[in-house]
């Protein structure tokens, strides 16, 4: 599984970086963060102990649906859905839609945090 580099910077710094990339003034290097948080607190909320345990269950058990993941974890499907949508927004999981189900897939198993 791949390693994900996560950056922490102010909203202004993240915006300035995005504008520099868009204008061609900055070429992102492979070792630069792809995901950015504006504070350590917001990162801690998304990668809490419970959420990292959830990622581990998804990675190891490979559930076929959210209801199967709910069975594996004992968490309510509505709670899982909200949590996974947040993780998907940050690029930590991918929600693969099949005919009638949605299957979560973890995109990284290791995280490196870089504060700017």
PDB file of N, CA and C in Angstrom:
ATOM      1  N   UNK A   1       0.861  -1.173   0.000  1.00  0.00           N
ATOM      2  CA  UNK A   1       0.000   0.000   0.000  1.00  0.00           C
ATOM      3  C   UNK A   1       0.901   1.227   0.000  1.00  0.00           C
ATOM      4  N   UNK A   2       0.402   2.303  -0.505  1.00  0.00           N
ATOM      5  CA  UNK A   2       1.254   3.466  -0.680  1.00  0.00           C
ATOM      6  C   UNK A   2       1.289   4.379   0.534  1.00  0.00           C
ATOM      7  N   UNK A   3       2.327   5.189   0.576  1.00  0.00           N
ATOM      8  CA  UNK A   3       2.519   6.177   1.621  1.00  0.00           C
ATOM      9  C   UNK A   3       1.927   7.491   1.126  1.00  0.00           C
ATOM     10  N   UNK A   4       1.172   8.170   1.987  1.00  0.00           N
ATOM     11  CA  UNK A   4       0.554   9.430   1.615  1.00  0.00           C
ATOM     12  C   UNK A   4       1.200  10.552   2.413  1.00  0.00           C
ATOM     13  N   UNK A   5       1.625  11.593   1.703  1.00  0.00           N
ATOM     14  CA  UNK A   5       2.227  12.750   2.359  1.00  0.00           C
ATOM     15  C   UNK A   5       1.143  13.795   2.547  1.00  0.00           C
ATOM     16  N   UNK A   6       0.987  14.249   3.789  1.00  0.00           N
ATOM     17  CA  UNK A   6      -0.043  15.212   4.153  1.00  0.00           C
ATOM     18  C   UNK A   6       0.639  16.485   4.649  1.00  0.00           C
ATOM     19  N   UNK A   7       0.183  17.617   4.147  1.00  0.00           N
ATOM     20  CA  UNK A   7       0.749  18.895   4.557  1.00  0.00           C
ATOM     21  C   UNK A   7      -0.180  19.657   5.476  1.00  0.00           C
ATOM     22  N   UNK A   8       0.417  20.485   6.322  1.00  0.00           N
ATOM     23  CA  UNK A   8      -0.342  21.375   7.193  1.00  0.00           C
ATOM     24  C   UNK A   8       0.172  22.779   6.933  1.00  0.00           C
ATOM     25  N   UNK A   9      -0.723  23.661   6.510  1.00  0.00           N
ATOM     26  CA  UNK A   9      -0.361  25.051   6.223  1.00  0.00           C
ATOM     27  C   UNK A   9      -1.613  25.910   6.376  1.00  0.00           C
ATOM     28  N   UNK A  10      -1.405  27.197   6.444  1.00  0.00           N
ATOM     29  CA  UNK A  10      -2.544  28.109   6.545  1.00  0.00           C
ATOM     30  C   UNK A  10      -3.349  28.072   5.253  1.00  0.00           C
ATOM     31  N   UNK A  11      -4.592  28.489   5.343  1.00  0.00           N
ATOM     32  CA  UNK A  11      -5.456  28.549   4.168  1.00  0.00           C
ATOM     33  C   UNK A  11      -4.833  29.442   3.093  1.00  0.00           C
ATOM     34  N   UNK A  12      -4.234  30.557   3.513  1.00  0.00           N
ATOM     35  CA  UNK A  12      -3.601  31.473   2.572  1.00  0.00           C
ATOM     36  C   UNK A  12      -2.422  30.810   1.863  1.00  0.00           C
ATOM     37  N   UNK A  13      -1.623  30.044   2.597  1.00  0.00           N
ATOM     38  CA  UNK A  13      -0.467  29.368   1.997  1.00  0.00           C
ATOM     39  C   UNK A  13      -0.912  28.295   1.012  1.00  0.00           C
ATOM     40  N   UNK A  14      -1.951  27.557   1.355  1.00  0.00           N
ATOM     41  CA  UNK A  14      -2.470  26.515   0.461  1.00  0.00           C
ATOM     42  C   UNK A  14      -3.017  27.158  -0.807  1.00  0.00           C
ATOM     43  N   UNK A  15      -3.744  28.248  -0.653  1.00  0.00           N
ATOM     44  CA  UNK A  15      -4.308  28.957  -1.805  1.00  0.00           C
ATOM     45  C   UNK A  15      -3.197  29.524  -2.692  1.00  0.00           C
ATOM     46  N   UNK A  16      -2.185  30.130  -2.082  1.00  0.00           N
ATOM     47  CA  UNK A  16      -1.067  30.694  -2.848  1.00  0.00           C
ATOM     48  C   UNK A  16      -0.336  29.594  -3.616  1.00  0.00           C
ATOM     49  N   UNK A  17      -0.161  28.442  -2.996  1.00  0.00           N
ATOM     50  CA  UNK A  17       0.493  27.312  -3.664  1.00  0.00           C
ATOM     51  C   UNK A  17      -0.331  26.849  -4.858  1.00  0.00           C
ATOM     52  N   UNK A  18      -1.639  26.726  -4.672  1.00  0.00           N
ATOM     53  CA  UNK A  18      -2.519  26.289  -5.765  1.00  0.00           C
ATOM     54  C   UNK A  18      -2.469  27.276  -6.928  1.00  0.00           C
ATOM     55  N   UNK A  19      -2.469  28.576  -6.631  1.00  0.00           N
ATOM     56  CA  UNK A  19      -2.384  29.585  -7.684  1.00  0.00           C
ATOM     57  C   UNK A  19      -1.045  29.530  -8.410  1.00  0.00           C
ATOM     58  N   UNK A  20       0.031  29.289  -7.667  1.00  0.00           N
ATOM     59  CA  UNK A  20       1.359  29.181  -8.279  1.00  0.00           C
ATOM     60  C   UNK A  20       1.431  27.970  -9.203  1.00  0.00           C
ATOM     61  N   UNK A  21       0.820  26.883  -8.804  1.00  0.00           N
ATOM     62  CA  UNK A  21       0.780  25.685  -9.650  1.00  0.00           C
ATOM     63  C   UNK A  21      -0.042  25.969 -10.902  1.00  0.00           C
ATOM     64  N   UNK A  22      -1.211  26.589 -10.717  1.00  0.00           N
ATOM     65  CA  UNK A  22      -2.104  26.867 -11.845  1.00  0.00           C
ATOM     66  C   UNK A  22      -1.459  27.817 -12.853  1.00  0.00           C
ATOM     67  N   UNK A  23      -0.665  28.768 -12.375  1.00  0.00           N
ATOM     68  CA  UNK A  23      -0.034  29.737 -13.277  1.00  0.00           C
ATOM     69  C   UNK A  23       1.273  29.219 -13.872  1.00  0.00           C
ATOM     70  N   UNK A  24       1.721  28.056 -13.421  1.00  0.00           N
ATOM     71  CA  UNK A  24       2.961  27.484 -13.950  1.00  0.00           C
ATOM     72  C   UNK A  24       4.206  27.964 -13.238  1.00  0.00           C
ATOM     73  N   UNK A  25       4.048  28.735 -12.162  1.00  0.00           N
ATOM     74  CA  UNK A  25       5.197  29.233 -11.407  1.00  0.00           C
ATOM     75  C   UNK A  25       5.782  28.191 -10.455  1.00  0.00           C
ATOM     76  N   UNK A  26       5.011  27.141 -10.195  1.00  0.00           N
ATOM     77  CA  UNK A  26       5.494  26.089  -9.291  1.00  0.00           C
ATOM     78  C   UNK A  26       5.140  24.724  -9.873  1.00  0.00           C
ATOM     79  N   UNK A  27       6.121  23.862  -9.943  1.00  0.00           N
ATOM     80  CA  UNK A  27       5.920  22.485 -10.409  1.00  0.00           C
ATOM     81  C   UNK A  27       6.020  21.577  -9.184  1.00  0.00           C
ATOM     82  N   UNK A  28       4.906  20.963  -8.753  1.00  0.00           N
ATOM     83  CA  UNK A  28       4.960  20.104  -7.558  1.00  0.00           C
ATOM     84  C   UNK A  28       5.922  18.928  -7.760  1.00  0.00           C
ATOM     85  N   UNK A  29       6.728  18.685  -6.743  1.00  0.00           N
ATOM     86  CA  UNK A  29       7.650  17.548  -6.768  1.00  0.00           C
ATOM     87  C   UNK A  29       6.941  16.324  -6.200  1.00  0.00           C
ATOM     88  N   UNK A  30       7.403  15.134  -6.562  1.00  0.00           N
ATOM     89  CA  UNK A  30       6.734  13.907  -6.088  1.00  0.00           C
ATOM     90  C   UNK A  30       6.688  13.772  -4.569  1.00  0.00           C
ATOM     91  N   UNK A  31       7.641  14.376  -3.852  1.00  0.00           N
ATOM     92  CA  UNK A  31       7.680  14.234  -2.393  1.00  0.00           C
ATOM     93  C   UNK A  31       6.884  15.317  -1.666  1.00  0.00           C
ATOM     94  N   UNK A  32       6.183  16.184  -2.408  1.00  0.00           N
ATOM     95  CA  UNK A  32       5.362  17.223  -1.783  1.00  0.00           C
ATOM     96  C   UNK A  32       3.991  16.670  -1.417  1.00  0.00           C
ATOM     97  N   UNK A  33       3.390  17.233  -0.382  1.00  0.00           N
ATOM     98  CA  UNK A  33       2.042  16.789   0.009  1.00  0.00           C
ATOM     99  C   UNK A  33       1.035  16.969  -1.117  1.00  0.00           C
ATOM    100  N   UNK A  34       0.118  16.023  -1.196  1.00  0.00           N
ATOM    101  CA  UNK A  34      -0.990  16.105  -2.147  1.00  0.00           C
ATOM    102  C   UNK A  34      -2.270  16.523  -1.423  1.00  0.00           C
ATOM    103  N   UNK A  35      -2.298  16.279  -0.127  1.00  0.00           N
ATOM    104  CA  UNK A  35      -3.460  16.595   0.714  1.00  0.00           C
ATOM    105  C   UNK A  35      -3.011  17.632   1.731  1.00  0.00           C
ATOM    106  N   UNK A  36      -3.850  18.654   1.914  1.00  0.00           N
ATOM    107  CA  UNK A  36      -3.509  19.730   2.842  1.00  0.00           C
ATOM    108  C   UNK A  36      -4.601  19.924   3.886  1.00  0.00           C
ATOM    109  N   UNK A  37      -4.171  20.167   5.120  1.00  0.00           N
ATOM    110  CA  UNK A  37      -5.051  20.537   6.220  1.00  0.00           C
ATOM    111  C   UNK A  37      -4.599  21.896   6.718  1.00  0.00           C
ATOM    112  N   UNK A  38      -5.541  22.670   7.249  1.00  0.00           N
ATOM    113  CA  UNK A  38      -5.187  24.004   7.720  1.00  0.00           C
ATOM    114  C   UNK A  38      -4.753  24.031   9.185  1.00  0.00           C
ATOM    115  N   UNK A  39      -4.896  22.907   9.878  1.00  0.00           N
ATOM    116  CA  UNK A  39      -4.442  22.847  11.268  1.00  0.00           C
ATOM    117  C   UNK A  39      -4.208  21.399  11.680  1.00  0.00           C
ATOM    118  N   UNK A  40      -3.410  21.253  12.699  1.00  0.00           N
ATOM    119  CA  UNK A  40      -3.164  19.931  13.263  1.00  0.00           C
ATOM    120  C   UNK A  40      -4.462  19.377  13.852  1.00  0.00           C
ATOM    121  N   UNK A  41      -5.291  20.270  14.379  1.00  0.00           N
ATOM    122  CA  UNK A  41      -6.574  19.855  14.970  1.00  0.00           C
ATOM    123  C   UNK A  41      -7.486  19.219  13.912  1.00  0.00           C
ATOM    124  N   UNK A  42      -7.601  19.839  12.738  1.00  0.00           N
ATOM    125  CA  UNK A  42      -8.464  19.277  11.689  1.00  0.00           C
ATOM    126  C   UNK A  42      -7.899  17.953  11.179  1.00  0.00           C
ATOM    127  N   UNK A  43      -6.590  17.846  11.092  1.00  0.00           N
ATOM    128  CA  UNK A  43      -5.967  16.572  10.715  1.00  0.00           C
ATOM    129  C   UNK A  43      -6.274  15.507  11.759  1.00  0.00           C
ATOM    130  N   UNK A  44      -6.163  15.872  13.039  1.00  0.00           N
ATOM    131  CA  UNK A  44      -6.412  14.919  14.125  1.00  0.00           C
ATOM    132  C   UNK A  44      -7.858  14.432  14.127  1.00  0.00           C
ATOM    133  N   UNK A  45      -8.793  15.279  13.711  1.00  0.00           N
ATOM    134  CA  UNK A  45     -10.196  14.861  13.652  1.00  0.00           C
ATOM    135  C   UNK A  45     -10.418  13.825  12.550  1.00  0.00           C
ATOM    136  N   UNK A  46      -9.783  14.034  11.402  1.00  0.00           N
ATOM    137  CA  UNK A  46      -9.970  13.114  10.273  1.00  0.00           C
ATOM    138  C   UNK A  46      -9.191  11.822  10.484  1.00  0.00           C
ATOM    139  N   UNK A  47      -7.979  11.913  11.041  1.00  0.00           N
ATOM    140  CA  UNK A  47      -7.165  10.711  11.269  1.00  0.00           C
ATOM    141  C   UNK A  47      -7.121  10.354  12.752  1.00  0.00           C
ATOM    142  N   UNK A  48      -8.270  10.399  13.387  1.00  0.00           N
ATOM    143  CA  UNK A  48      -8.364  10.010  14.799  1.00  0.00           C
ATOM    144  C   UNK A  48      -8.052   8.521  14.948  1.00  0.00           C
ATOM    145  N   UNK A  49      -7.885   8.068  16.171  1.00  0.00           N
ATOM    146  CA  UNK A  49      -7.626   6.648  16.427  1.00  0.00           C
ATOM    147  C   UNK A  49      -8.742   5.779  15.838  1.00  0.00           C
ATOM    148  N   UNK A  50      -9.994   6.201  16.058  1.00  0.00           N
ATOM    149  CA  UNK A  50     -11.135   5.429  15.542  1.00  0.00           C
ATOM    150  C   UNK A  50     -11.123   5.374  14.012  1.00  0.00           C
ATOM    151  N   UNK A  51     -10.809   6.494  13.382  1.00  0.00           N
ATOM    152  CA  UNK A  51     -10.811   6.518  11.923  1.00  0.00           C
ATOM    153  C   UNK A  51      -9.634   5.733  11.329  1.00  0.00           C
ATOM    154  N   UNK A  52      -8.489   5.770  11.996  1.00  0.00           N
ATOM    155  CA  UNK A  52      -7.366   4.943  11.525  1.00  0.00           C
ATOM    156  C   UNK A  52      -7.692   3.458  11.701  1.00  0.00           C
ATOM    157  N   UNK A  53      -8.392   3.109  12.769  1.00  0.00           N
ATOM    158  CA  UNK A  53      -8.835   1.718  12.953  1.00  0.00           C
ATOM    159  C   UNK A  53      -9.830   1.335  11.855  1.00  0.00           C
ATOM    160  N   UNK A  54     -10.705   2.267  11.482  1.00  0.00           N
ATOM    161  CA  UNK A  54     -11.651   2.028  10.399  1.00  0.00           C
ATOM    162  C   UNK A  54     -10.900   1.776   9.084  1.00  0.00           C
ATOM    163  N   UNK A  55      -9.894   2.577   8.802  1.00  0.00           N
ATOM    164  CA  UNK A  55      -9.086   2.368   7.595  1.00  0.00           C
ATOM    165  C   UNK A  55      -8.420   0.993   7.611  1.00  0.00           C
ATOM    166  N   UNK A  56      -7.957   0.573   8.772  1.00  0.00           N
ATOM    167  CA  UNK A  56      -7.310  -0.738   8.897  1.00  0.00           C
ATOM    168  C   UNK A  56      -8.306  -1.866   8.608  1.00  0.00           C
ATOM    169  N   UNK A  57      -9.533  -1.745   9.125  1.00  0.00           N
ATOM    170  CA  UNK A  57     -10.566  -2.760   8.869  1.00  0.00           C
ATOM    171  C   UNK A  57     -10.883  -2.820   7.378  1.00  0.00           C
ATOM    172  N   UNK A  58     -11.020  -1.670   6.748  1.00  0.00           N
ATOM    173  CA  UNK A  58     -11.309  -1.643   5.306  1.00  0.00           C
ATOM    174  C   UNK A  58     -10.170  -2.300   4.528  1.00  0.00           C
ATOM    175  N   UNK A  59      -8.944  -1.959   4.882  1.00  0.00           N
ATOM    176  CA  UNK A  59      -7.772  -2.504   4.187  1.00  0.00           C
ATOM    177  C   UNK A  59      -7.656  -4.012   4.367  1.00  0.00           C
ATOM    178  N   UNK A  60      -7.879  -4.503   5.579  1.00  0.00           N
ATOM    179  CA  UNK A  60      -7.689  -5.925   5.868  1.00  0.00           C
ATOM    180  C   UNK A  60      -8.889  -6.785   5.487  1.00  0.00           C
ATOM    181  N   UNK A  61     -10.102  -6.301   5.737  1.00  0.00           N
ATOM    182  CA  UNK A  61     -11.305  -7.104   5.503  1.00  0.00           C
ATOM    183  C   UNK A  61     -11.880  -6.954   4.091  1.00  0.00           C
ATOM    184  N   UNK A  62     -11.557  -5.829   3.426  1.00  0.00           N
ATOM    185  CA  UNK A  62     -12.051  -5.551   2.074  1.00  0.00           C
ATOM    186  C   UNK A  62     -13.573  -5.761   1.959  1.00  0.00           C
ATOM    187  N   UNK A  63     -14.354  -4.971   2.699  1.00  0.00           N
ATOM    188  CA  UNK A  63     -15.815  -5.142   2.660  1.00  0.00           C
ATOM    189  C   UNK A  63     -16.378  -4.851   1.264  1.00  0.00           C
ATOM    190  N   UNK A  64     -17.430  -5.564   0.915  1.00  0.00           N
ATOM    191  CA  UNK A  64     -18.080  -5.396  -0.387  1.00  0.00           C
ATOM    192  C   UNK A  64     -19.098  -4.262  -0.392  1.00  0.00           C
ATOM    193  N   UNK A  65     -19.468  -3.772   0.791  1.00  0.00           N
ATOM    194  CA  UNK A  65     -20.475  -2.719   0.864  1.00  0.00           C
ATOM    195  C   UNK A  65     -20.353  -1.991   2.205  1.00  0.00           C
ATOM    196  N   UNK A  66     -21.068  -0.872   2.307  1.00  0.00           N
ATOM    197  CA  UNK A  66     -21.084  -0.144   3.578  1.00  0.00           C
ATOM    198  C   UNK A  66     -21.787  -0.946   4.663  1.00  0.00           C
ATOM    199  N   UNK A  67     -22.830  -1.708   4.291  1.00  0.00           N
ATOM    200  CA  UNK A  67     -23.520  -2.502   5.310  1.00  0.00           C
ATOM    201  C   UNK A  67     -22.611  -3.610   5.847  1.00  0.00           C
ATOM    202  N   UNK A  68     -21.781  -4.181   4.978  1.00  0.00           N
ATOM    203  CA  UNK A  68     -20.844  -5.197   5.460  1.00  0.00           C
ATOM    204  C   UNK A  68     -19.785  -4.547   6.356  1.00  0.00           C
ATOM    205  N   UNK A  69     -19.339  -3.352   6.000  1.00  0.00           N
ATOM    206  CA  UNK A  69     -18.389  -2.638   6.843  1.00  0.00           C
ATOM    207  C   UNK A  69     -19.018  -2.318   8.200  1.00  0.00           C
ATOM    208  N   UNK A  70     -20.299  -1.957   8.210  1.00  0.00           N
ATOM    209  CA  UNK A  70     -21.010  -1.690   9.467  1.00  0.00           C
ATOM    210  C   UNK A  70     -21.026  -2.941  10.339  1.00  0.00           C
ATOM    211  N   UNK A  71     -21.224  -4.103   9.729  1.00  0.00           N
ATOM    212  CA  UNK A  71     -21.190  -5.363  10.483  1.00  0.00           C
ATOM    213  C   UNK A  71     -19.807  -5.609  11.071  1.00  0.00           C
ATOM    214  N   UNK A  72     -18.760  -5.375  10.274  1.00  0.00           N
ATOM    215  CA  UNK A  72     -17.385  -5.605  10.736  1.00  0.00           C
ATOM    216  C   UNK A  72     -17.001  -4.687  11.893  1.00  0.00           C
ATOM    217  N   UNK A  73     -17.497  -3.441  11.856  1.00  0.00           N
ATOM    218  CA  UNK A  73     -17.045  -2.445  12.831  1.00  0.00           C
ATOM    219  C   UNK A  73     -18.014  -2.202  13.980  1.00  0.00           C
ATOM    220  N   UNK A  74     -19.289  -2.572  13.808  1.00  0.00           N
ATOM    221  CA  UNK A  74     -20.283  -2.285  14.833  1.00  0.00           C
ATOM    222  C   UNK A  74     -20.729  -0.828  14.818  1.00  0.00           C
ATOM    223  N   UNK A  75     -20.331  -0.073  13.803  1.00  0.00           N
ATOM    224  CA  UNK A  75     -20.735   1.330  13.692  1.00  0.00           C
ATOM    225  C   UNK A  75     -21.992   1.435  12.837  1.00  0.00           C
ATOM    226  N   UNK A  76     -22.796   2.452  13.096  1.00  0.00           N
ATOM    227  CA  UNK A  76     -24.030   2.678  12.334  1.00  0.00           C
ATOM    228  C   UNK A  76     -23.688   3.072  10.897  1.00  0.00           C
ATOM    229  N   UNK A  77     -24.432   2.562   9.923  1.00  0.00           N
ATOM    230  CA  UNK A  77     -24.172   2.917   8.519  1.00  0.00           C
ATOM    231  C   UNK A  77     -24.186   4.424   8.253  1.00  0.00           C
ATOM    232  N   UNK A  78     -25.077   5.158   8.911  1.00  0.00           N
ATOM    233  CA  UNK A  78     -25.126   6.614   8.696  1.00  0.00           C
ATOM    234  C   UNK A  78     -23.845   7.279   9.186  1.00  0.00           C
ATOM    235  N   UNK A  79     -23.329   6.810  10.324  1.00  0.00           N
ATOM    236  CA  UNK A  79     -22.071   7.326  10.866  1.00  0.00           C
ATOM    237  C   UNK A  79     -20.918   6.999   9.920  1.00  0.00           C
ATOM    238  N   UNK A  80     -20.887   5.767   9.434  1.00  0.00           N
ATOM    239  CA  UNK A  80     -19.839   5.354   8.502  1.00  0.00           C
ATOM    240  C   UNK A  80     -19.892   6.185   7.228  1.00  0.00           C
ATOM    241  N   UNK A  81     -21.072   6.399   6.724  1.00  0.00           N
ATOM    242  CA  UNK A  81     -21.244   7.154   5.488  1.00  0.00           C
ATOM    243  C   UNK A  81     -20.681   8.562   5.628  1.00  0.00           C
ATOM    244  N   UNK A  82     -20.998   9.246   6.714  1.00  0.00           N
ATOM    245  CA  UNK A  82     -20.481  10.603   6.955  1.00  0.00           C
ATOM    246  C   UNK A  82     -18.962  10.598   7.064  1.00  0.00           C
ATOM    247  N   UNK A  83     -18.432   9.668   7.839  1.00  0.00           N
ATOM    248  CA  UNK A  83     -16.987   9.584   8.036  1.00  0.00           C
ATOM    249  C   UNK A  83     -16.276   9.302   6.723  1.00  0.00           C
ATOM    250  N   UNK A  84     -16.794   8.357   5.955  1.00  0.00           N
ATOM    251  CA  UNK A  84     -16.151   7.990   4.693  1.00  0.00           C
ATOM    252  C   UNK A  84     -16.252   9.105   3.656  1.00  0.00           C
ATOM    253  N   UNK A  85     -17.330   9.870   3.668  1.00  0.00           N
ATOM    254  CA  UNK A  85     -17.434  11.010   2.744  1.00  0.00           C
ATOM    255  C   UNK A  85     -16.357  12.044   3.058  1.00  0.00           C
ATOM    256  N   UNK A  86     -16.130  12.285   4.342  1.00  0.00           N
ATOM    257  CA  UNK A  86     -15.071  13.216   4.734  1.00  0.00           C
ATOM    258  C   UNK A  86     -13.711  12.684   4.298  1.00  0.00           C
ATOM    259  N   UNK A  87     -13.459  11.405   4.543  1.00  0.00           N
ATOM    260  CA  UNK A  87     -12.183  10.802   4.150  1.00  0.00           C
ATOM    261  C   UNK A  87     -12.010  10.802   2.631  1.00  0.00           C
ATOM    262  N   UNK A  88     -13.103  10.612   1.921  1.00  0.00           N
ATOM    263  CA  UNK A  88     -13.037  10.638   0.457  1.00  0.00           C
ATOM    264  C   UNK A  88     -12.707  12.046  -0.031  1.00  0.00           C
ATOM    265  N   UNK A  89     -13.263  13.052   0.609  1.00  0.00           N
ATOM    266  CA  UNK A  89     -12.993  14.441   0.234  1.00  0.00           C
ATOM    267  C   UNK A  89     -11.513  14.773   0.371  1.00  0.00           C
ATOM    268  N   UNK A  90     -10.853  14.176   1.352  1.00  0.00           N
ATOM    269  CA  UNK A  90      -9.424  14.394   1.548  1.00  0.00           C
ATOM    270  C   UNK A  90      -8.562  13.410   0.751  1.00  0.00           C
ATOM    271  N   UNK A  91      -9.171  12.484   0.044  1.00  0.00           N
ATOM    272  CA  UNK A  91      -8.409  11.549  -0.775  1.00  0.00           C
ATOM    273  C   UNK A  91      -7.843  10.355  -0.020  1.00  0.00           C
ATOM    274  N   UNK A  92      -8.368  10.087   1.174  1.00  0.00           N
ATOM    275  CA  UNK A  92      -7.870   8.965   1.977  1.00  0.00           C
ATOM    276  C   UNK A  92      -8.518   7.647   1.576  1.00  0.00           C
ATOM    277  N   UNK A  93      -9.763   7.716   1.117  1.00  0.00           N
ATOM    278  CA  UNK A  93     -10.473   6.526   0.643  1.00  0.00           C
ATOM    279  C   UNK A  93     -11.129   6.850  -0.697  1.00  0.00           C
ATOM    280  N   UNK A  94     -11.438   5.807  -1.412  1.00  0.00           N
ATOM    281  CA  UNK A  94     -12.194   5.932  -2.650  1.00  0.00           C
ATOM    282  C   UNK A  94     -13.467   5.126  -2.474  1.00  0.00           C
ATOM    283  N   UNK A  95     -14.584   5.722  -2.844  1.00  0.00           N
ATOM    284  CA  UNK A  95     -15.859   5.022  -2.757  1.00  0.00           C
ATOM    285  C   UNK A  95     -16.186   4.499  -4.153  1.00  0.00           C
ATOM    286  N   UNK A  96     -16.034   3.204  -4.351  1.00  0.00           N
ATOM    287  CA  UNK A  96     -16.292   2.596  -5.656  1.00  0.00           C
ATOM    288  C   UNK A  96     -17.746   2.160  -5.732  1.00  0.00           C
ATOM    289  N   UNK A  97     -18.435   2.717  -6.696  1.00  0.00           N
ATOM    290  CA  UNK A  97     -19.849   2.421  -6.867  1.00  0.00           C
ATOM    291  C   UNK A  97     -20.020   1.284  -7.859  1.00  0.00           C
ATOM    292  N   UNK A  98     -20.668   0.228  -7.403  1.00  0.00           N
ATOM    293  CA  UNK A  98     -21.006  -0.899  -8.262  1.00  0.00           C
ATOM    294  C   UNK A  98     -22.485  -0.739  -8.627  1.00  0.00           C
ATOM    295  N   UNK A  99     -23.098  -1.781  -9.121  1.00  0.00           N
ATOM    296  CA  UNK A  99     -24.501  -1.673  -9.524  1.00  0.00           C
ATOM    297  C   UNK A  99     -25.393  -1.143  -8.416  1.00  0.00           C
ATOM    298  N   UNK A 100     -25.371  -1.794  -7.270  1.00  0.00           N
ATOM    299  CA  UNK A 100     -26.276  -1.404  -6.177  1.00  0.00           C
ATOM    300  C   UNK A 100     -25.579  -1.127  -4.857  1.00  0.00           C
ATOM    301  N   UNK A 101     -24.288  -1.192  -4.858  1.00  0.00           N
ATOM    302  CA  UNK A 101     -23.561  -0.993  -3.603  1.00  0.00           C
ATOM    303  C   UNK A 101     -22.441   0.019  -3.782  1.00  0.00           C
ATOM    304  N   UNK A 102     -21.962   0.491  -2.663  1.00  0.00           N
ATOM    305  CA  UNK A 102     -20.799   1.373  -2.617  1.00  0.00           C
ATOM    306  C   UNK A 102     -19.768   0.664  -1.757  1.00  0.00           C
ATOM    307  N   UNK A 103     -18.571   0.510  -2.307  1.00  0.00           N
ATOM    308  CA  UNK A 103     -17.510  -0.226  -1.620  1.00  0.00           C
ATOM    309  C   UNK A 103     -16.350   0.719  -1.316  1.00  0.00           C
ATOM    310  N   UNK A 104     -15.955   0.849  -0.036  1.00  0.00           N
ATOM    311  CA  UNK A 104     -14.828   1.713   0.304  1.00  0.00           C
ATOM    312  C   UNK A 104     -13.494   1.011   0.025  1.00  0.00           C
ATOM    313  N   UNK A 105     -12.547   1.781  -0.488  1.00  0.00           N
ATOM    314  CA  UNK A 105     -11.201   1.277  -0.753  1.00  0.00           C
ATOM    315  C   UNK A 105     -10.214   2.288  -0.173  1.00  0.00           C
ATOM    316  N   UNK A 106      -9.285   1.811   0.642  1.00  0.00           N
ATOM    317  CA  UNK A 106      -8.279   2.672   1.261  1.00  0.00           C
ATOM    318  C   UNK A 106      -7.202   2.994   0.228  1.00  0.00           C
ATOM    319  N   UNK A 107      -6.806   4.259   0.167  1.00  0.00           N
ATOM    320  CA  UNK A 107      -5.822   4.683  -0.816  1.00  0.00           C
ATOM    321  C   UNK A 107      -4.407   4.756  -0.263  1.00  0.00           C
ATOM    322  N   UNK A 108      -4.237   4.675   1.055  1.00  0.00           N
ATOM    323  CA  UNK A 108      -2.900   4.715   1.651  1.00  0.00           C
ATOM    324  C   UNK A 108      -2.930   3.991   2.995  1.00  0.00           C
ATOM    325  N   UNK A 109      -1.799   3.411   3.339  1.00  0.00           N
ATOM    326  CA  UNK A 109      -1.723   2.711   4.622  1.00  0.00           C
ATOM    327  C   UNK A 109      -0.747   3.373   5.587  1.00  0.00           C
ATOM    328  N   UNK A 110       0.000   4.326   5.087  1.00  0.00           N
ATOM    329  CA  UNK A 110       0.985   5.018   5.915  1.00  0.00           C
ATOM    330  C   UNK A 110       0.887   6.507   5.620  1.00  0.00           C
ATOM    331  N   UNK A 111       1.026   7.333   6.646  1.00  0.00           N
ATOM    332  CA  UNK A 111       0.885   8.761   6.485  1.00  0.00           C
ATOM    333  C   UNK A 111       2.127   9.477   7.007  1.00  0.00           C
ATOM    334  N   UNK A 112       2.617  10.433   6.225  1.00  0.00           N
ATOM    335  CA  UNK A 112       3.731  11.278   6.621  1.00  0.00           C
ATOM    336  C   UNK A 112       3.176  12.687   6.707  1.00  0.00           C
ATOM    337  N   UNK A 113       3.374  13.344   7.855  1.00  0.00           N
ATOM    338  CA  UNK A 113       2.837  14.682   8.086  1.00  0.00           C
ATOM    339  C   UNK A 113       3.977  15.696   7.953  1.00  0.00           C
ATOM    340  N   UNK A 114       3.733  16.730   7.144  1.00  0.00           N
ATOM    341  CA  UNK A 114       4.710  17.806   6.968  1.00  0.00           C
ATOM    342  C   UNK A 114       4.021  19.130   7.258  1.00  0.00           C
ATOM    343  N   UNK A 115       4.516  19.830   8.243  1.00  0.00           N
ATOM    344  CA  UNK A 115       3.964  21.146   8.584  1.00  0.00           C
ATOM    345  C   UNK A 115       4.784  22.220   7.884  1.00  0.00           C
ATOM    346  N   UNK A 116       4.093  23.151   7.243  1.00  0.00           N
ATOM    347  CA  UNK A 116       4.784  24.232   6.523  1.00  0.00           C
ATOM    348  C   UNK A 116       4.871  25.471   7.375  1.00  0.00           C
TER     349      UNK A 116
END
